[in-house]
């Protein structure tokens, strides 16, 4: 059923939609949901009418917290785009593991092979680890944003390094994901090796490439056969 539902065309379409959605979420502050002009005093014309900050020059320090509103970060970004999907995925994974454990127990009672189901459980565990690491890396930053939004005095007294560390941790999630994929998912390792082999072995004169039965790629310099790398 999965193979019939998740086709290559549908997967590419879904990826495109997710990228467009991400662009929309990220560009929302540029569309006006920001506080770039909140620090600019309003100008008045000769009649004394307020002309608004857009009618005169104003410069502010282009720092994240000076430009992006915490209402956008907390209500829209965190509650709507992060917390809600995390709660939904948590519920889905709990349901998956409950069903998987029940089926494994039934298979053991019937004496049937459980190899296929074990692979599915392994894949589900891998995705659960990825989601868990996402929460671990991103929640500290969003929690700080919530505290800053609901307790303004904290934003004035908190050490700058705390926010910097939270930002670094959130971006470190992008570094961790490929490592988890490569460690947990065999197909990912195989595809990664294929990509590397195409890059390193596309010319006849540079290295010589061989692949063993375990899909390990060995790259050997033809000018120095002793120098080789296996991945």
Protein backbone atom coordinates (compact mmCIF):
# COMPACT_ATOMS: atom_id res chain seq x y z
CA UNK A 1 0.00 0.00 0.00
CA UNK A 2 2.86 2.38 0.81
CA UNK A 3 4.49 1.86 -2.60
CA UNK A 4 1.20 2.57 -4.37
CA UNK A 5 0.56 5.75 -2.37
CA UNK A 6 4.08 7.21 -2.20
CA UNK A 7 5.20 7.42 -5.82
CA UNK A 8 8.20 9.39 -7.05
CA UNK A 9 5.96 12.02 -8.64
CA UNK A 10 3.95 12.53 -5.45
CA UNK A 11 7.10 12.68 -3.33
CA UNK A 12 8.63 15.36 -5.57
CA UNK A 13 5.38 17.33 -5.52
CA UNK A 14 5.17 17.15 -1.74
CA UNK A 15 8.80 18.27 -1.38
CA UNK A 16 8.10 21.24 -3.68
CA UNK A 17 5.03 22.21 -1.63
CA UNK A 18 7.02 22.00 1.62
CA UNK A 19 9.78 24.20 0.19
CA UNK A 20 7.22 26.79 -0.94
CA UNK A 21 5.58 26.67 2.48
CA UNK A 22 8.96 27.15 4.17
CA UNK A 23 9.72 30.14 1.95
CA UNK A 24 6.34 31.64 2.81
CA UNK A 25 6.87 31.18 6.54
CA UNK A 26 10.41 32.56 6.42
CA UNK A 27 9.52 35.57 4.28
CA UNK A 28 6.47 36.58 6.33
CA UNK A 29 8.41 39.21 8.36
CA UNK A 30 9.53 40.84 5.09
CA UNK A 31 5.89 41.22 4.10
CA UNK A 32 5.25 43.56 7.01
CA UNK A 33 5.03 41.47 10.18
CA UNK A 34 8.06 43.10 11.77
CA UNK A 35 9.00 45.95 14.06
CA UNK A 36 11.51 47.67 11.82
CA UNK A 37 9.70 50.99 12.21
CA UNK A 38 8.69 50.66 15.86
CA UNK A 39 11.81 52.52 16.98
CA UNK A 40 11.26 55.40 14.54
CA UNK A 41 9.44 58.48 15.80
CA UNK A 42 6.55 59.48 13.56
CA UNK A 43 6.89 62.67 11.52
CA UNK A 44 4.24 65.36 11.20
CA UNK A 45 3.47 67.67 8.28
CA UNK A 46 2.80 71.39 8.35
CA UNK A 47 -0.76 70.84 9.59
CA UNK A 48 0.42 68.70 12.46
CA UNK A 49 -0.98 65.48 10.99
CA UNK A 50 0.94 62.27 11.59
CA UNK A 51 2.64 61.15 8.37
CA UNK A 52 3.96 57.89 9.79
CA UNK A 53 7.55 56.63 9.97
CA UNK A 54 7.68 55.67 6.30
CA UNK A 55 7.87 59.32 5.23
CA UNK A 56 11.24 60.08 6.78
CA UNK A 57 14.58 58.33 7.08
CA UNK A 58 15.22 56.04 10.01
CA UNK A 59 18.02 53.62 10.85
CA UNK A 60 17.93 50.84 13.43
CA UNK A 61 20.42 48.18 14.39
CA UNK A 62 19.68 45.20 12.14
CA UNK A 63 19.65 42.56 14.87
CA UNK A 64 17.18 39.68 14.92
CA UNK A 65 15.31 40.73 18.07
CA UNK A 66 15.23 44.37 16.92
CA UNK A 67 13.47 43.54 13.65
CA UNK A 68 11.47 40.32 14.04
CA UNK A 69 8.51 40.56 16.39
CA UNK A 70 8.24 38.00 19.17
CA UNK A 71 4.53 37.62 18.38
CA UNK A 72 5.52 36.20 14.97
CA UNK A 73 8.16 33.93 16.51
CA UNK A 74 5.92 32.67 19.32
CA UNK A 75 2.37 32.48 17.95
CA UNK A 76 2.99 31.87 14.25
CA UNK A 77 6.40 30.20 14.05
CA UNK A 78 6.47 28.20 17.30
CA UNK A 79 2.86 27.43 18.20
CA UNK A 80 1.60 27.10 14.62
CA UNK A 81 4.57 25.74 12.66
CA UNK A 82 6.65 23.82 15.23
CA UNK A 83 4.75 22.83 18.37
CA UNK A 84 1.53 21.69 16.67
CA UNK A 85 3.32 19.43 14.11
CA UNK A 86 5.54 18.03 16.89
CA UNK A 87 2.53 17.08 19.00
CA UNK A 88 0.83 15.48 15.98
CA UNK A 89 3.97 13.51 15.07
CA UNK A 90 4.40 12.41 18.69
CA UNK A 91 0.87 11.01 18.65
CA UNK A 92 1.47 9.28 15.31
CA UNK A 93 4.71 7.63 16.47
CA UNK A 94 3.10 6.44 19.70
CA UNK A 95 0.34 4.87 17.61
CA UNK A 96 2.88 3.29 15.23
CA UNK A 97 4.87 1.68 18.04
CA UNK A 98 1.74 0.43 19.78
CA UNK A 99 0.52 -1.24 16.57
CA UNK A 100 4.02 -2.59 15.78
CA UNK A 101 4.43 -4.13 19.24
CA UNK A 102 1.00 -5.72 18.95
CA UNK A 103 1.79 -7.18 15.52
CA UNK A 104 5.20 -8.45 16.66
CA UNK A 105 3.52 -10.24 19.54
CA UNK A 106 0.97 -11.81 17.17
CA UNK A 107 3.73 -12.91 14.79
CA UNK A 108 5.63 -14.56 17.64
CA UNK A 109 2.51 -16.47 18.66
CA UNK A 110 1.91 -17.65 15.08
CA UNK A 111 5.59 -18.48 14.50
CA UNK A 112 5.81 -16.43 11.28
CA UNK A 113 8.80 -14.45 10.06
CA UNK A 114 9.07 -10.95 11.52
CA UNK A 115 11.89 -9.64 9.30
CA UNK A 116 9.74 -7.23 7.26
CA UNK A 117 7.99 -5.79 10.29
CA UNK A 118 11.31 -5.40 12.11
CA UNK A 119 12.62 -3.33 9.19
CA UNK A 120 9.54 -1.11 9.37
CA UNK A 121 9.97 -0.68 13.13
CA UNK A 122 13.65 0.16 12.60
CA UNK A 123 12.70 2.82 10.04
CA UNK A 124 10.07 4.24 12.40
CA UNK A 125 12.63 4.38 15.22
CA UNK A 126 15.07 6.21 12.94
CA UNK A 127 12.48 8.84 12.06
CA UNK A 128 11.49 9.14 15.73
CA UNK A 129 15.15 9.81 16.62
CA UNK A 130 15.31 12.51 13.94
CA UNK A 131 12.13 14.16 15.24
CA UNK A 132 13.43 13.91 18.82
CA UNK A 133 16.72 15.57 17.88
CA UNK A 134 14.79 18.29 16.04
CA UNK A 135 12.85 19.00 19.24
CA UNK A 136 16.05 18.92 21.32
CA UNK A 137 17.82 21.38 19.01
CA UNK A 138 14.97 23.82 18.38
CA UNK A 139 12.92 23.90 21.58
CA UNK A 140 15.52 25.85 23.65
CA UNK A 141 15.43 28.75 21.16
CA UNK A 142 11.63 28.79 21.01
CA UNK A 143 11.36 28.57 24.80
CA UNK A 144 13.67 31.59 25.10
CA UNK A 145 11.50 33.44 22.58
CA UNK A 146 8.40 32.63 24.64
CA UNK A 147 10.05 33.89 27.83
CA UNK A 148 11.18 37.04 26.03
CA UNK A 149 7.68 37.65 24.67
CA UNK A 150 5.74 37.03 27.89
CA UNK A 151 8.34 38.48 30.30
CA UNK A 152 9.90 41.56 28.72
CA UNK A 153 12.13 42.22 31.73
CA UNK A 154 13.90 38.92 31.00
CA UNK A 155 14.86 40.09 27.51
CA UNK A 156 16.74 43.01 29.04
CA UNK A 157 18.59 40.97 31.66
CA UNK A 158 19.38 37.69 29.87
CA UNK A 159 23.03 37.14 28.86
CA UNK A 160 23.63 37.43 25.12
CA UNK A 161 25.55 34.14 25.02
CA UNK A 162 22.40 32.24 26.05
CA UNK A 163 20.58 33.31 22.90
CA UNK A 164 23.68 32.72 20.76
CA UNK A 165 24.05 29.18 22.10
CA UNK A 166 20.37 28.47 21.44
CA UNK A 167 20.73 29.74 17.86
CA UNK A 168 23.86 27.64 17.29
CA UNK A 169 22.09 24.56 18.69
CA UNK A 170 19.12 25.09 16.39
CA UNK A 171 21.33 25.33 13.31
CA UNK A 172 23.38 22.33 14.44
CA UNK A 173 20.29 20.22 13.75
CA UNK A 174 21.03 20.51 10.03
CA UNK A 175 24.49 19.01 10.65
CA UNK A 176 23.21 16.14 12.79
CA UNK A 177 20.48 14.92 10.42
CA UNK A 178 22.75 13.53 7.64
CA UNK A 179 24.80 11.67 10.26
CA UNK A 180 21.69 10.04 11.73
CA UNK A 181 20.39 9.15 8.27
CA UNK A 182 23.72 7.58 7.31
CA UNK A 183 24.00 5.67 10.59
CA UNK A 184 20.44 4.36 10.78
CA UNK A 185 19.23 3.98 7.19
CA UNK A 186 21.06 1.58 4.88
CA UNK A 187 19.47 2.93 1.68
CA UNK A 188 20.74 6.39 2.57
CA UNK A 189 24.30 5.07 2.96
CA UNK A 190 24.05 3.26 -0.36
CA UNK A 191 22.74 6.36 -2.17
CA UNK A 192 25.41 8.51 -0.53
CA UNK A 193 28.13 6.14 -1.76
CA UNK A 194 26.67 6.22 -5.27
CA UNK A 195 26.79 10.02 -5.29
CA UNK A 196 30.39 10.02 -4.01
CA UNK A 197 31.38 7.43 -6.61
CA UNK A 198 29.92 9.55 -9.41
CA UNK A 199 31.88 12.56 -8.19
CA UNK A 200 35.21 10.80 -7.55
CA UNK A 201 35.10 8.17 -10.27
CA UNK A 202 33.74 10.05 -13.28
CA UNK A 203 37.13 10.21 -15.01
CA UNK A 204 39.26 7.28 -16.16
CA UNK A 205 42.57 8.89 -15.33
CA UNK A 206 41.98 9.92 -11.73
CA UNK A 207 40.92 7.21 -9.26
CA UNK A 208 39.88 3.60 -9.61
CA UNK A 209 36.65 2.67 -7.83
CA UNK A 210 35.45 -0.75 -6.67
CA UNK A 211 32.41 -1.84 -4.68
CA UNK A 212 32.30 -4.97 -2.50
CA UNK A 213 29.32 -7.15 -1.60
CA UNK A 214 28.52 -4.96 1.41
CA UNK A 215 28.23 -1.91 -0.89
CA UNK A 216 31.44 -0.41 0.52
CA UNK A 217 33.07 1.91 -2.00
CA UNK A 218 36.87 1.84 -2.30
CA UNK A 219 38.57 4.72 -4.12
CA UNK A 220 42.18 4.05 -5.17
CA UNK A 221 44.60 6.49 -6.76
CA UNK A 222 45.87 4.84 -9.95
CA UNK A 223 49.20 6.64 -9.59
CA UNK A 224 49.63 5.32 -6.05
CA UNK A 225 47.70 2.09 -5.46
CA UNK A 226 48.74 2.10 -1.81
CA UNK A 227 46.68 5.26 -1.23
CA UNK A 228 43.03 4.26 -1.03
CA UNK A 229 39.92 5.28 0.87
CA UNK A 230 36.96 3.03 1.73
CA UNK A 231 33.55 4.46 2.61
